[in-house]
Amino acid sequence: MKKIFLAAFLPLLITSCSKPNKSEEVYLEKSDMLTGEWTKTALMFGYYNNYDACMEIKSALSEKFPDLKYRCTPK
């Protein structure tokens, strides 16, 4: 669990400290299994393409936790 967390979020810490980008900020959201409501889980910013970064993290989380639903939405 710690490895997936570090692999997914360490690049966020590194790139968010680098030069700013022109890509729109994107939320990673998780669906609540009971209510079906979407909860904002993380905010992607600082990447050249925040949506692509969000999709990569979504893919890794979906692979690790196949019963949970994730999506990427603009801020």
C-alpha atoms as a PDB file:
ATOM      1  CA  MET A   1       0.000   0.000   0.000  1.00  0.00           C
ATOM      2  CA  LYS A   2       2.809   2.395   0.872  1.00  0.00           C
ATOM      3  CA  LYS A   3       4.543   1.655  -2.434  1.00  0.00           C
ATOM      4  CA  ILE A   4       1.488   2.514  -4.545  1.00  0.00           C
ATOM      5  CA  PHE A   5       0.957   5.699  -2.558  1.00  0.00           C
ATOM      6  CA  LEU A   6       4.560   6.818  -3.021  1.00  0.00           C
ATOM      7  CA  ALA A   7       4.599   5.859  -6.684  1.00  0.00           C
ATOM      8  CA  ALA A   8       1.376   7.753  -7.310  1.00  0.00           C
ATOM      9  CA  PHE A   9       1.889  10.916  -5.296  1.00  0.00           C
ATOM     10  CA  LEU A  10       5.646  11.495  -5.063  1.00  0.00           C
ATOM     11  CA  PRO A  11       5.763  12.926  -8.605  1.00  0.00           C
ATOM     12  CA  LEU A  12       3.093  15.434  -7.538  1.00  0.00           C
ATOM     13  CA  LEU A  13       5.328  16.765  -4.809  1.00  0.00           C
ATOM     14  CA  ILE A  14       8.331  17.012  -7.099  1.00  0.00           C
ATOM     15  CA  THR A  15       6.659  18.586 -10.134  1.00  0.00           C
ATOM     16  CA  SER A  16       4.465  20.961  -8.173  1.00  0.00           C
ATOM     17  CA  CYS A  17       7.661  22.668  -7.001  1.00  0.00           C
ATOM     18  CA  SER A  18       8.960  23.127 -10.539  1.00  0.00           C
ATOM     19  CA  LYS A  19       7.955  25.664 -13.176  1.00  0.00           C
ATOM     20  CA  PRO A  20       4.251  26.467 -13.556  1.00  0.00           C
ATOM     21  CA  ASN A  21       2.268  25.060 -16.455  1.00  0.00           C
ATOM     22  CA  LYS A  22      -0.654  26.143 -18.565  1.00  0.00           C
ATOM     23  CA  SER A  23      -2.696  22.982 -18.046  1.00  0.00           C
ATOM     24  CA  GLU A  24      -6.020  23.240 -16.217  1.00  0.00           C
ATOM     25  CA  GLU A  25      -6.111  21.793 -12.703  1.00  0.00           C
ATOM     26  CA  VAL A  26      -7.864  18.420 -12.456  1.00  0.00           C
ATOM     27  CA  TYR A  27      -9.474  16.581  -9.543  1.00  0.00           C
ATOM     28  CA  LEU A  28      -9.105  12.866  -8.996  1.00  0.00           C
ATOM     29  CA  GLU A  29     -12.452  11.763  -7.576  1.00  0.00           C
ATOM     30  CA  LYS A  30     -13.551   8.494  -5.965  1.00  0.00           C
ATOM     31  CA  SER A  31     -17.092   7.150  -5.970  1.00  0.00           C
ATOM     32  CA  ASP A  32     -18.609   6.271  -2.597  1.00  0.00           C
ATOM     33  CA  MET A  33     -19.594   2.593  -2.723  1.00  0.00           C
ATOM     34  CA  LEU A  34     -22.772   3.143  -0.684  1.00  0.00           C
ATOM     35  CA  THR A  35     -24.178   6.422  -2.004  1.00  0.00           C
ATOM     36  CA  GLY A  36     -22.565   6.614  -5.450  1.00  0.00           C
ATOM     37  CA  GLU A  37     -21.548  10.224  -4.755  1.00  0.00           C
ATOM     38  CA  TRP A  38     -18.169  11.432  -6.007  1.00  0.00           C
ATOM     39  CA  THR A  39     -15.607  12.677  -3.482  1.00  0.00           C
ATOM     40  CA  LYS A  40     -12.650  14.844  -4.434  1.00  0.00           C
ATOM     41  CA  THR A  41      -9.586  12.809  -3.484  1.00  0.00           C
ATOM     42  CA  ALA A  42      -6.643  14.709  -4.992  1.00  0.00           C
ATOM     43  CA  LEU A  43      -5.940  17.833  -7.020  1.00  0.00           C
ATOM     44  CA  MET A  44      -3.535  17.523  -9.952  1.00  0.00           C
ATOM     45  CA  PHE A  45      -1.498  20.646 -10.690  1.00  0.00           C
ATOM     46  CA  GLY A  46       2.023  21.455 -11.750  1.00  0.00           C
ATOM     47  CA  TYR A  47       2.187  18.876 -14.545  1.00  0.00           C
ATOM     48  CA  TYR A  48       2.563  19.813 -18.182  1.00  0.00           C
ATOM     49  CA  ASN A  49      -0.726  17.969 -18.717  1.00  0.00           C
ATOM     50  CA  ASN A  50      -2.630  17.558 -15.456  1.00  0.00           C
ATOM     51  CA  TYR A  51      -5.350  15.411 -17.030  1.00  0.00           C
ATOM     52  CA  ASP A  52      -2.827  12.850 -18.301  1.00  0.00           C
ATOM     53  CA  ALA A  53      -1.172  12.753 -14.873  1.00  0.00           C
ATOM     54  CA  CYS A  54      -4.564  12.210 -13.244  1.00  0.00           C
ATOM     55  CA  MET A  55      -5.389   9.399 -15.666  1.00  0.00           C
ATOM     56  CA  GLU A  56      -2.095   7.642 -14.876  1.00  0.00           C
ATOM     57  CA  ILE A  57      -2.808   7.767 -11.148  1.00  0.00           C
ATOM     58  CA  LYS A  58      -6.415   6.701 -11.749  1.00  0.00           C
ATOM     59  CA  SER A  59      -5.173   3.718 -13.724  1.00  0.00           C
ATOM     60  CA  ALA A  60      -2.748   2.665 -10.973  1.00  0.00           C
ATOM     61  CA  LEU A  61      -5.412   2.998  -8.272  1.00  0.00           C
ATOM     62  CA  SER A  62      -8.016   1.151 -10.356  1.00  0.00           C
ATOM     63  CA  GLU A  63      -5.560  -1.685 -10.865  1.00  0.00           C
ATOM     64  CA  LYS A  64      -4.762  -1.879  -7.147  1.00  0.00           C
ATOM     65  CA  PHE A  65      -8.389  -1.444  -6.010  1.00  0.00           C
ATOM     66  CA  PRO A  66     -10.598  -2.868  -8.805  1.00  0.00           C
ATOM     67  CA  ASP A  67     -13.836  -2.579  -6.788  1.00  0.00           C
ATOM     68  CA  LEU A  68     -13.508   1.199  -6.438  1.00  0.00           C
ATOM     69  CA  LYS A  69     -14.409   3.720  -9.152  1.00  0.00           C
ATOM     70  CA  TYR A  70     -12.240   6.754  -9.927  1.00  0.00           C
ATOM     71  CA  ARG A  71     -12.552   9.602 -12.409  1.00  0.00           C
ATOM     72  CA  CYS A  72     -10.712  12.772 -13.408  1.00  0.00           C
ATOM     73  CA  THR A  73     -12.654  16.036 -13.656  1.00  0.00           C
ATOM     74  CA  PRO A  74     -11.598  19.643 -14.357  1.00  0.00           C
ATOM     75  CA  LYS A  75     -11.507  22.005 -11.393  1.00  0.00           C
END
